[in-house]
Amino acid sequence: MKILITGSRGFLGSHAYDYFVRQGHAVTGVDIDHDIRNGFPDGNFDVVIAFAAYVGGRKGIDTNHWKIVENIELDRLTFSWAEQHCGKILYPSSCAAYPMELQYGTGTPMHEDTVGSSDTFDQYGMVKVMAERMLKLCNVPSMVMRPFSIYGPGQSMDYPLPAIIERARRKECSVWGSGTQTRDWVYIDDAVKIFDQLIHMDESVTVNVGTGKPIDFIEVAQTIYSIIWNEVVEVKRNTTEPEGAGHRYADIGRMQSLGLYCPTSFRDGVRNMI
């Protein structure tokens, strides 16, 4: 396949780029050195994978509101161009698109059909909901994935796992916030294989990318520390730092119906990072 990946130097984009090249596809990557606001590469593509966006981790989302909102224009430009030049669109939405009340309920997995029923947790989620609505207007098939907490080698220190690992290497076992907040941790290799499966589908679909297993940050920090130092210690909680949403984990019923799985255990994924 002839594939265009925007945001190809970012964490998701770079892993996807390397994976699809290894699979023998003709892959073109564009990033900050080829700002898509100034135009797209010449020619037509079988699929565009639209990773180009500003994120910046929890602090970046909380402190750069207008920068986050600029993502709406990046998405609009991509979708409009893709209608004329691409056979389909693979779009990474986010679990942040889910309603705020689900992000505080400890026992509620997030089902794809609940997006749009009420306000999101933050403006990043709001931007993703807007992108999904724009895709419904497109005249080409769109595969919308809602990743949960993807992690793996090469991830920026803006994100929690690399930061927790770095602190653990200094013999500090700590988390931001209360540590009771949960996330659905998805290893990057599992995620890119799902990207591959999705680009080979013909009909538009919206699907979570998750394990369906919530793990809180206390367990995350203790697991990482025990892998590095072979001991379990008390977790220090830095309550002056933001902790984000209270709870996020995927309903994986639709994933399973499509034959999509994230088999890597959290412990094995962390070992690959360390």
C-alpha atoms as a PDB file:
ATOM      1  CA  MET A   1       0.000   0.000   0.000  1.00  0.00           C
ATOM      2  CA  LYS A   2       0.995   3.605  -0.517  1.00  0.00           C
ATOM      3  CA  ILE A   3       0.764   5.240   2.921  1.00  0.00           C
ATOM      4  CA  LEU A   4       1.147   8.832   4.101  1.00  0.00           C
ATOM      5  CA  ILE A   5       1.865   9.330   7.803  1.00  0.00           C
ATOM      6  CA  THR A   6       1.584  12.846   9.225  1.00  0.00           C
ATOM      7  CA  GLY A   7       3.377  13.468  12.495  1.00  0.00           C
ATOM      8  CA  SER A   8       5.839  10.748  11.520  1.00  0.00           C
ATOM      9  CA  ARG A   9       8.511  11.803  14.028  1.00  0.00           C
ATOM     10  CA  GLY A  10       6.238  11.622  17.051  1.00  0.00           C
ATOM     11  CA  PHE A  11       5.951   8.612  19.322  1.00  0.00           C
ATOM     12  CA  LEU A  12       3.038   6.927  17.544  1.00  0.00           C
ATOM     13  CA  GLY A  13       4.001   8.191  14.106  1.00  0.00           C
ATOM     14  CA  SER A  14       7.615   7.018  14.241  1.00  0.00           C
ATOM     15  CA  HIS A  15       6.694   3.528  15.452  1.00  0.00           C
ATOM     16  CA  ALA A  16       3.990   3.270  12.790  1.00  0.00           C
ATOM     17  CA  TYR A  17       6.389   4.514  10.091  1.00  0.00           C
ATOM     18  CA  ASP A  18       9.061   1.938  10.966  1.00  0.00           C
ATOM     19  CA  TYR A  19       6.496  -0.864  11.209  1.00  0.00           C
ATOM     20  CA  PHE A  20       4.874  -0.206   7.843  1.00  0.00           C
ATOM     21  CA  VAL A  21       8.256   0.145   6.119  1.00  0.00           C
ATOM     22  CA  ARG A  22       9.242  -3.253   7.554  1.00  0.00           C
ATOM     23  CA  GLN A  23       5.980  -4.665   6.188  1.00  0.00           C
ATOM     24  CA  GLY A  24       7.019  -3.592   2.687  1.00  0.00           C
ATOM     25  CA  HIS A  25       4.630  -0.669   2.171  1.00  0.00           C
ATOM     26  CA  ALA A  26       5.582   2.519   0.300  1.00  0.00           C
ATOM     27  CA  VAL A  27       5.552   4.967   3.219  1.00  0.00           C
ATOM     28  CA  THR A  28       5.892   8.752   3.105  1.00  0.00           C
ATOM     29  CA  GLY A  29       6.319  10.577   6.398  1.00  0.00           C
ATOM     30  CA  VAL A  30       5.844  14.289   7.044  1.00  0.00           C
ATOM     31  CA  ASP A  31       6.371  16.199  10.257  1.00  0.00           C
ATOM     32  CA  ILE A  32       7.323  19.651  11.510  1.00  0.00           C
ATOM     33  CA  ASP A  33       9.856  20.121   8.701  1.00  0.00           C
ATOM     34  CA  HIS A  34       6.967  19.778   6.214  1.00  0.00           C
ATOM     35  CA  ASP A  35       4.129  21.637   7.904  1.00  0.00           C
ATOM     36  CA  ILE A  36       0.904  20.334   6.407  1.00  0.00           C
ATOM     37  CA  ARG A  37      -0.592  23.788   6.810  1.00  0.00           C
ATOM     38  CA  ASN A  38       1.651  24.716   3.880  1.00  0.00           C
ATOM     39  CA  GLY A  39       0.481  21.813   1.725  1.00  0.00           C
ATOM     40  CA  PHE A  40       0.684  18.043   1.419  1.00  0.00           C
ATOM     41  CA  PRO A  41       3.031  15.864  -0.634  1.00  0.00           C
ATOM     42  CA  ASP A  42       2.192  15.458  -4.300  1.00  0.00           C
ATOM     43  CA  GLY A  43       0.339  12.420  -5.522  1.00  0.00           C
ATOM     44  CA  ASN A  44      -2.351  10.077  -4.241  1.00  0.00           C
ATOM     45  CA  PHE A  45      -2.197   7.552  -1.422  1.00  0.00           C
ATOM     46  CA  ASP A  46      -4.133   4.465  -0.424  1.00  0.00           C
ATOM     47  CA  VAL A  47      -4.379   5.709   3.146  1.00  0.00           C
ATOM     48  CA  VAL A  48      -3.366   8.667   5.292  1.00  0.00           C
ATOM     49  CA  ILE A  49      -2.601   8.036   8.956  1.00  0.00           C
ATOM     50  CA  ALA A  50      -3.184  11.376  10.657  1.00  0.00           C
ATOM     51  CA  PHE A  51      -0.911  11.597  13.692  1.00  0.00           C
ATOM     52  CA  ALA A  52       0.037  15.278  13.281  1.00  0.00           C
ATOM     53  CA  ALA A  53      -1.081  17.070  16.463  1.00  0.00           C
ATOM     54  CA  TYR A  54       0.098  18.961  19.490  1.00  0.00           C
ATOM     55  CA  VAL A  55      -0.286  16.973  22.721  1.00  0.00           C
ATOM     56  CA  GLY A  56       2.492  17.596  25.241  1.00  0.00           C
ATOM     57  CA  GLY A  57       1.448  15.290  28.086  1.00  0.00           C
ATOM     58  CA  ARG A  58      -0.747  16.192  31.059  1.00  0.00           C
ATOM     59  CA  LYS A  59       0.899  19.548  31.763  1.00  0.00           C
ATOM     60  CA  GLY A  60       0.953  20.430  28.076  1.00  0.00           C
ATOM     61  CA  ILE A  61      -2.770  19.799  27.793  1.00  0.00           C
ATOM     62  CA  ASP A  62      -3.577  21.726  30.962  1.00  0.00           C
ATOM     63  CA  THR A  63      -1.433  24.783  30.214  1.00  0.00           C
ATOM     64  CA  ASN A  64      -1.567  25.189  26.404  1.00  0.00           C
ATOM     65  CA  HIS A  65      -5.283  25.417  25.695  1.00  0.00           C
ATOM     66  CA  TRP A  66      -5.057  27.391  22.452  1.00  0.00           C
ATOM     67  CA  LYS A  67      -2.254  25.217  21.111  1.00  0.00           C
ATOM     68  CA  ILE A  68      -4.421  22.146  21.637  1.00  0.00           C
ATOM     69  CA  VAL A  69      -7.320  23.783  19.810  1.00  0.00           C
ATOM     70  CA  GLU A  70      -5.067  24.371  16.778  1.00  0.00           C
ATOM     71  CA  ASN A  71      -5.342  20.617  16.220  1.00  0.00           C
ATOM     72  CA  ILE A  72      -8.847  21.196  14.846  1.00  0.00           C
ATOM     73  CA  GLU A  73      -7.372  23.053  11.881  1.00  0.00           C
ATOM     74  CA  LEU A  74      -4.705  20.389  11.304  1.00  0.00           C
ATOM     75  CA  ASP A  75      -7.433  17.755  11.214  1.00  0.00           C
ATOM     76  CA  ARG A  76      -9.690  19.827   8.931  1.00  0.00           C
ATOM     77  CA  LEU A  77      -6.892  20.350   6.428  1.00  0.00           C
ATOM     78  CA  THR A  78      -5.997  16.656   6.464  1.00  0.00           C
ATOM     79  CA  PHE A  79      -9.557  15.422   5.988  1.00  0.00           C
ATOM     80  CA  SER A  80     -10.340  17.916   3.236  1.00  0.00           C
ATOM     81  CA  TRP A  81      -7.164  16.987   1.341  1.00  0.00           C
ATOM     82  CA  ALA A  82      -7.730  13.256   1.888  1.00  0.00           C
ATOM     83  CA  GLU A  83     -11.128  13.378   0.169  1.00  0.00           C
ATOM     84  CA  GLN A  84      -9.326  14.129  -3.101  1.00  0.00           C
ATOM     85  CA  HIS A  85      -6.110  12.181  -2.654  1.00  0.00           C
ATOM     86  CA  CYS A  86      -6.624   9.142  -0.391  1.00  0.00           C
ATOM     87  CA  GLY A  87      -8.624   5.946  -0.419  1.00  0.00           C
ATOM     88  CA  LYS A  88      -9.201   5.977   3.337  1.00  0.00           C
ATOM     89  CA  ILE A  89      -8.276   7.768   6.566  1.00  0.00           C
ATOM     90  CA  LEU A  90      -6.909   6.206   9.757  1.00  0.00           C
ATOM     91  CA  TYR A  91      -7.459   8.668  12.585  1.00  0.00           C
ATOM     92  CA  PRO A  92      -6.196   8.406  16.168  1.00  0.00           C
ATOM     93  CA  SER A  93      -8.893   9.862  18.366  1.00  0.00           C
ATOM     94  CA  SER A  94      -8.486   9.327  22.115  1.00  0.00           C
ATOM     95  CA  CYS A  95     -10.051   7.915  25.247  1.00  0.00           C
ATOM     96  CA  ALA A  96     -10.128  11.596  26.306  1.00  0.00           C
ATOM     97  CA  ALA A  97     -13.150  11.924  23.984  1.00  0.00           C
ATOM     98  CA  TYR A  98     -15.333  10.010  26.432  1.00  0.00           C
ATOM     99  CA  PRO A  99     -17.821  11.839  28.687  1.00  0.00           C
ATOM    100  CA  MET A 100     -16.489  13.367  31.872  1.00  0.00           C
ATOM    101  CA  GLU A 101     -18.722  11.290  34.151  1.00  0.00           C
ATOM    102  CA  LEU A 102     -17.205   8.049  32.827  1.00  0.00           C
ATOM    103  CA  GLN A 103     -13.744   9.314  33.732  1.00  0.00           C
ATOM    104  CA  TYR A 104     -14.643   9.415  37.403  1.00  0.00           C
ATOM    105  CA  GLY A 105     -16.547   6.122  37.651  1.00  0.00           C
ATOM    106  CA  THR A 106     -14.184   3.406  38.886  1.00  0.00           C
ATOM    107  CA  GLY A 107     -16.086   0.426  37.505  1.00  0.00           C
ATOM    108  CA  THR A 108     -17.286   1.708  34.126  1.00  0.00           C
ATOM    109  CA  PRO A 109     -15.470   0.608  30.963  1.00  0.00           C
ATOM    110  CA  MET A 110     -15.751   3.081  28.114  1.00  0.00           C
ATOM    111  CA  HIS A 111     -17.902   1.883  25.204  1.00  0.00           C
ATOM    112  CA  GLU A 112     -17.521   3.443  21.749  1.00  0.00           C
ATOM    113  CA  ASP A 113     -21.175   4.516  21.517  1.00  0.00           C
ATOM    114  CA  THR A 114     -21.017   6.811  24.578  1.00  0.00           C
ATOM    115  CA  VAL A 115     -18.874   9.564  23.004  1.00  0.00           C
ATOM    116  CA  GLY A 116     -20.741  12.825  22.473  1.00  0.00           C
ATOM    117  CA  SER A 117     -23.346  12.242  25.177  1.00  0.00           C
ATOM    118  CA  SER A 118     -21.918  14.984  27.433  1.00  0.00           C
ATOM    119  CA  ASP A 119     -18.865  17.194  28.031  1.00  0.00           C
ATOM    120  CA  THR A 120     -15.351  15.754  27.831  1.00  0.00           C
ATOM    121  CA  PHE A 121     -12.786  15.870  30.638  1.00  0.00           C
ATOM    122  CA  ASP A 122     -10.611  18.483  28.903  1.00  0.00           C
ATOM    123  CA  GLN A 123     -10.199  20.461  25.686  1.00  0.00           C
ATOM    124  CA  TYR A 124      -8.019  17.721  24.149  1.00  0.00           C
ATOM    125  CA  GLY A 125     -10.983  15.370  24.318  1.00  0.00           C
ATOM    126  CA  MET A 126     -13.256  18.061  22.916  1.00  0.00           C
ATOM    127  CA  VAL A 127     -10.960  18.489  19.906  1.00  0.00           C
ATOM    128  CA  LYS A 128     -11.039  14.742  19.273  1.00  0.00           C
ATOM    129  CA  VAL A 129     -14.843  14.698  19.368  1.00  0.00           C
ATOM    130  CA  MET A 130     -14.863  17.537  16.830  1.00  0.00           C
ATOM    131  CA  ALA A 131     -12.507  15.576  14.550  1.00  0.00           C
ATOM    132  CA  GLU A 132     -14.712  12.500  14.708  1.00  0.00           C
ATOM    133  CA  ARG A 133     -17.713  14.602  13.720  1.00  0.00           C
ATOM    134  CA  MET A 134     -15.814  16.078  10.778  1.00  0.00           C
ATOM    135  CA  LEU A 135     -14.930  12.586   9.601  1.00  0.00           C
ATOM    136  CA  LYS A 136     -18.618  11.739   9.333  1.00  0.00           C
ATOM    137  CA  LEU A 137     -18.792  14.388   6.582  1.00  0.00           C
ATOM    138  CA  CYS A 138     -15.957  12.851   4.538  1.00  0.00           C
ATOM    139  CA  ASN A 139     -16.641  10.960   1.347  1.00  0.00           C
ATOM    140  CA  VAL A 140     -13.917   8.362   2.011  1.00  0.00           C
ATOM    141  CA  PRO A 141     -13.963   5.583   4.631  1.00  0.00           C
ATOM    142  CA  SER A 142     -12.486   6.509   8.000  1.00  0.00           C
ATOM    143  CA  MET A 143     -11.115   4.133  10.604  1.00  0.00           C
ATOM    144  CA  VAL A 144     -11.294   5.930  13.957  1.00  0.00           C
ATOM    145  CA  MET A 145      -9.297   4.355  16.761  1.00  0.00           C
ATOM    146  CA  ARG A 146      -9.581   5.536  20.339  1.00  0.00           C
ATOM    147  CA  PRO A 147      -6.281   4.588  21.969  1.00  0.00           C
ATOM    148  CA  PHE A 148      -6.016   4.384  25.714  1.00  0.00           C
ATOM    149  CA  SER A 149      -2.625   4.862  27.416  1.00  0.00           C
ATOM    150  CA  ILE A 150      -0.128   3.714  24.807  1.00  0.00           C
ATOM    151  CA  TYR A 151       3.458   3.391  26.061  1.00  0.00           C
ATOM    152  CA  GLY A 152       6.769   2.015  24.858  1.00  0.00           C
ATOM    153  CA  PRO A 153      10.388   2.750  23.920  1.00  0.00           C
ATOM    154  CA  GLY A 154      11.109   6.247  22.668  1.00  0.00           C
ATOM    155  CA  GLN A 155       8.227   7.946  24.432  1.00  0.00           C
ATOM    156  CA  SER A 156       8.743  11.520  25.611  1.00  0.00           C
ATOM    157  CA  MET A 157       9.404  12.334  29.251  1.00  0.00           C
ATOM    158  CA  ASP A 158       6.213  14.426  29.078  1.00  0.00           C
ATOM    159  CA  TYR A 159       4.347  11.152  29.574  1.00  0.00           C
ATOM    160  CA  PRO A 160       3.985   9.281  32.863  1.00  0.00           C
ATOM    161  CA  LEU A 161       5.684   5.940  32.245  1.00  0.00           C
ATOM    162  CA  PRO A 162       9.063   7.236  31.001  1.00  0.00           C
ATOM    163  CA  ALA A 163       9.067   9.754  33.869  1.00  0.00           C
ATOM    164  CA  ILE A 164       8.227   7.107  36.487  1.00  0.00           C
ATOM    165  CA  ILE A 165      10.939   4.823  35.060  1.00  0.00           C
ATOM    166  CA  GLU A 166      13.517   7.627  35.174  1.00  0.00           C
ATOM    167  CA  ARG A 167      12.664   8.429  38.800  1.00  0.00           C
ATOM    168  CA  ALA A 168      12.808   4.722  39.691  1.00  0.00           C
ATOM    169  CA  ARG A 169      16.314   4.480  38.233  1.00  0.00           C
ATOM    170  CA  ARG A 170      17.274   7.144  40.784  1.00  0.00           C
ATOM    171  CA  LYS A 171      15.668   4.956  43.503  1.00  0.00           C
ATOM    172  CA  GLU A 172      12.626   7.212  43.775  1.00  0.00           C
ATOM    173  CA  CYS A 173       9.279   5.418  43.644  1.00  0.00           C
ATOM    174  CA  SER A 174       6.777   8.202  43.095  1.00  0.00           C
ATOM    175  CA  VAL A 175       3.674   9.270  41.176  1.00  0.00           C
ATOM    176  CA  TRP A 176       1.836  12.475  40.434  1.00  0.00           C
ATOM    177  CA  GLY A 177      -1.384  13.042  42.326  1.00  0.00           C
ATOM    178  CA  SER A 178      -3.059  10.486  44.565  1.00  0.00           C
ATOM    179  CA  GLY A 179      -1.872   7.456  42.613  1.00  0.00           C
ATOM    180  CA  THR A 180      -5.368   5.951  42.732  1.00  0.00           C
ATOM    181  CA  GLN A 181      -6.157   7.095  39.177  1.00  0.00           C
ATOM    182  CA  THR A 182      -6.337   4.191  36.745  1.00  0.00           C
ATOM    183  CA  ARG A 183      -5.336   3.798  33.117  1.00  0.00           C
ATOM    184  CA  ASP A 184      -5.613   1.081  30.480  1.00  0.00           C
ATOM    185  CA  TRP A 185      -1.977   0.539  29.439  1.00  0.00           C
ATOM    186  CA  VAL A 186      -1.380  -0.508  25.811  1.00  0.00           C
ATOM    187  CA  TYR A 187       2.067  -1.522  24.571  1.00  0.00           C
ATOM    188  CA  ILE A 188       3.093   0.250  21.370  1.00  0.00           C
ATOM    189  CA  ASP A 189       3.803  -2.928  19.357  1.00  0.00           C
ATOM    190  CA  ASP A 190       0.259  -4.149  19.995  1.00  0.00           C
ATOM    191  CA  ALA A 191      -1.119  -0.770  18.941  1.00  0.00           C
ATOM    192  CA  VAL A 192       0.702  -0.595  15.605  1.00  0.00           C
ATOM    193  CA  LYS A 193      -0.449  -4.104  14.691  1.00  0.00           C
ATOM    194  CA  ILE A 194      -4.009  -2.901  15.246  1.00  0.00           C
ATOM    195  CA  PHE A 195      -3.280   0.116  13.019  1.00  0.00           C
ATOM    196  CA  ASP A 196      -2.233  -2.375  10.349  1.00  0.00           C
ATOM    197  CA  GLN A 197      -5.421  -4.400  10.682  1.00  0.00           C
ATOM    198  CA  LEU A 198      -7.557  -1.269  10.517  1.00  0.00           C
ATOM    199  CA  ILE A 199      -6.041   0.081   7.294  1.00  0.00           C
ATOM    200  CA  HIS A 200      -7.005  -3.163   5.566  1.00  0.00           C
ATOM    201  CA  MET A 201     -10.684  -2.747   6.444  1.00  0.00           C
ATOM    202  CA  ASP A 202     -13.036  -1.383   3.813  1.00  0.00           C
ATOM    203  CA  GLU A 203     -15.902   0.038   5.884  1.00  0.00           C
ATOM    204  CA  SER A 204     -15.719   2.960   8.310  1.00  0.00           C
ATOM    205  CA  VAL A 205     -15.390   1.878  11.922  1.00  0.00           C
ATOM    206  CA  THR A 206     -14.783   3.408  15.344  1.00  0.00           C
ATOM    207  CA  VAL A 207     -13.026   1.171  17.858  1.00  0.00           C
ATOM    208  CA  ASN A 208     -11.173   1.370  21.154  1.00  0.00           C
ATOM    209  CA  VAL A 209      -7.538   0.309  21.415  1.00  0.00           C
ATOM    210  CA  GLY A 210      -7.135  -1.029  24.933  1.00  0.00           C
ATOM    211  CA  THR A 211      -6.693  -4.106  27.105  1.00  0.00           C
ATOM    212  CA  GLY A 212      -9.861  -3.723  29.178  1.00  0.00           C
ATOM    213  CA  LYS A 213      -7.723  -3.944  32.342  1.00  0.00           C
ATOM    214  CA  PRO A 214      -7.386  -0.832  34.537  1.00  0.00           C
ATOM    215  CA  ILE A 215      -4.151  -0.468  36.533  1.00  0.00           C
ATOM    216  CA  ASP A 216      -3.681   2.354  39.040  1.00  0.00           C
ATOM    217  CA  PHE A 217      -0.540   4.468  39.259  1.00  0.00           C
ATOM    218  CA  ILE A 218       0.467   3.041  42.635  1.00  0.00           C
ATOM    219  CA  GLU A 219       0.699  -0.413  41.053  1.00  0.00           C
ATOM    220  CA  VAL A 220       2.447   1.078  38.006  1.00  0.00           C
ATOM    221  CA  ALA A 221       5.183   2.697  40.131  1.00  0.00           C
ATOM    222  CA  GLN A 222       5.656  -0.390  42.311  1.00  0.00           C
ATOM    223  CA  THR A 223       5.844  -2.683  39.271  1.00  0.00           C
ATOM    224  CA  ILE A 224       8.475  -0.501  37.613  1.00  0.00           C
ATOM    225  CA  TYR A 225      10.527  -0.173  40.805  1.00  0.00           C
ATOM    226  CA  SER A 226      10.389  -3.919  41.471  1.00  0.00           C
ATOM    227  CA  ILE A 227      11.568  -4.724  37.941  1.00  0.00           C
ATOM    228  CA  ILE A 228      14.563  -2.383  38.285  1.00  0.00           C
ATOM    229  CA  TRP A 229      15.522  -3.046  41.915  1.00  0.00           C
ATOM    230  CA  ASN A 230      13.835  -6.379  42.707  1.00  0.00           C
ATOM    231  CA  GLU A 231      12.038  -4.974  45.738  1.00  0.00           C
ATOM    232  CA  VAL A 232       8.729  -3.339  46.568  1.00  0.00           C
ATOM    233  CA  VAL A 233       8.782  -0.005  48.409  1.00  0.00           C
ATOM    234  CA  GLU A 234       6.224   2.539  49.494  1.00  0.00           C
ATOM    235  CA  VAL A 235       5.093   4.934  46.763  1.00  0.00           C
ATOM    236  CA  LYS A 236       5.593   8.656  47.299  1.00  0.00           C
ATOM    237  CA  ARG A 237       2.590  10.697  46.130  1.00  0.00           C
ATOM    238  CA  ASN A 238       3.284  14.161  44.747  1.00  0.00           C
ATOM    239  CA  THR A 239      -0.096  15.807  45.228  1.00  0.00           C
ATOM    240  CA  THR A 240       1.129  19.200  43.986  1.00  0.00           C
ATOM    241  CA  GLU A 241       1.265  17.810  40.436  1.00  0.00           C
ATOM    242  CA  PRO A 242      -1.786  17.166  38.199  1.00  0.00           C
ATOM    243  CA  GLU A 243      -3.131  13.639  37.961  1.00  0.00           C
ATOM    244  CA  GLY A 244      -5.640  14.020  35.145  1.00  0.00           C
ATOM    245  CA  ALA A 245      -8.803  11.967  34.870  1.00  0.00           C
ATOM    246  CA  GLY A 246      -9.686   9.604  37.677  1.00  0.00           C
ATOM    247  CA  HIS A 247     -10.349   6.437  35.679  1.00  0.00           C
ATOM    248  CA  ARG A 248     -10.020   5.322  32.072  1.00  0.00           C
ATOM    249  CA  TYR A 249     -10.283   1.834  30.663  1.00  0.00           C
ATOM    250  CA  ALA A 250     -11.708   0.345  27.500  1.00  0.00           C
ATOM    251  CA  ASP A 251     -14.741  -1.737  26.768  1.00  0.00           C
ATOM    252  CA  ILE A 252     -13.078  -4.212  24.393  1.00  0.00           C
ATOM    253  CA  GLY A 253     -16.196  -5.971  23.095  1.00  0.00           C
ATOM    254  CA  ARG A 254     -16.029  -4.287  19.687  1.00  0.00           C
ATOM    255  CA  MET A 255     -12.285  -4.879  19.451  1.00  0.00           C
ATOM    256  CA  GLN A 256     -12.761  -8.572  20.064  1.00  0.00           C
ATOM    257  CA  SER A 257     -15.585  -8.783  17.505  1.00  0.00           C
ATOM    258  CA  LEU A 258     -13.159  -7.381  14.916  1.00  0.00           C
ATOM    259  CA  GLY A 259     -10.368  -9.752  15.912  1.00  0.00           C
ATOM    260  CA  LEU A 260      -8.271  -7.010  17.534  1.00  0.00           C
ATOM    261  CA  TYR A 261      -6.231  -7.704  20.681  1.00  0.00           C
ATOM    262  CA  CYS A 262      -3.516  -6.162  22.876  1.00  0.00           C
ATOM    263  CA  PRO A 263      -1.778  -9.256  24.269  1.00  0.00           C
ATOM    264  CA  THR A 264       1.362  -7.760  25.860  1.00  0.00           C
ATOM    265  CA  SER A 265       1.188  -7.724  29.667  1.00  0.00           C
ATOM    266  CA  PHE A 266       2.039  -4.504  31.465  1.00  0.00           C
ATOM    267  CA  ARG A 267       5.054  -6.083  33.161  1.00  0.00           C
ATOM    268  CA  ASP A 268       6.437  -7.383  29.854  1.00  0.00           C
ATOM    269  CA  GLY A 269       5.900  -4.037  28.163  1.00  0.00           C
ATOM    270  CA  VAL A 270       7.729  -2.202  30.930  1.00  0.00           C
ATOM    271  CA  ARG A 271      10.617  -4.664  30.724  1.00  0.00           C
ATOM    272  CA  ASN A 272      10.955  -3.788  27.039  1.00  0.00           C
ATOM    273  CA  MET A 273      11.294  -0.109  27.976  1.00  0.00           C
ATOM    274  CA  ILE A 274      13.850  -0.754  30.698  1.00  0.00           C
END
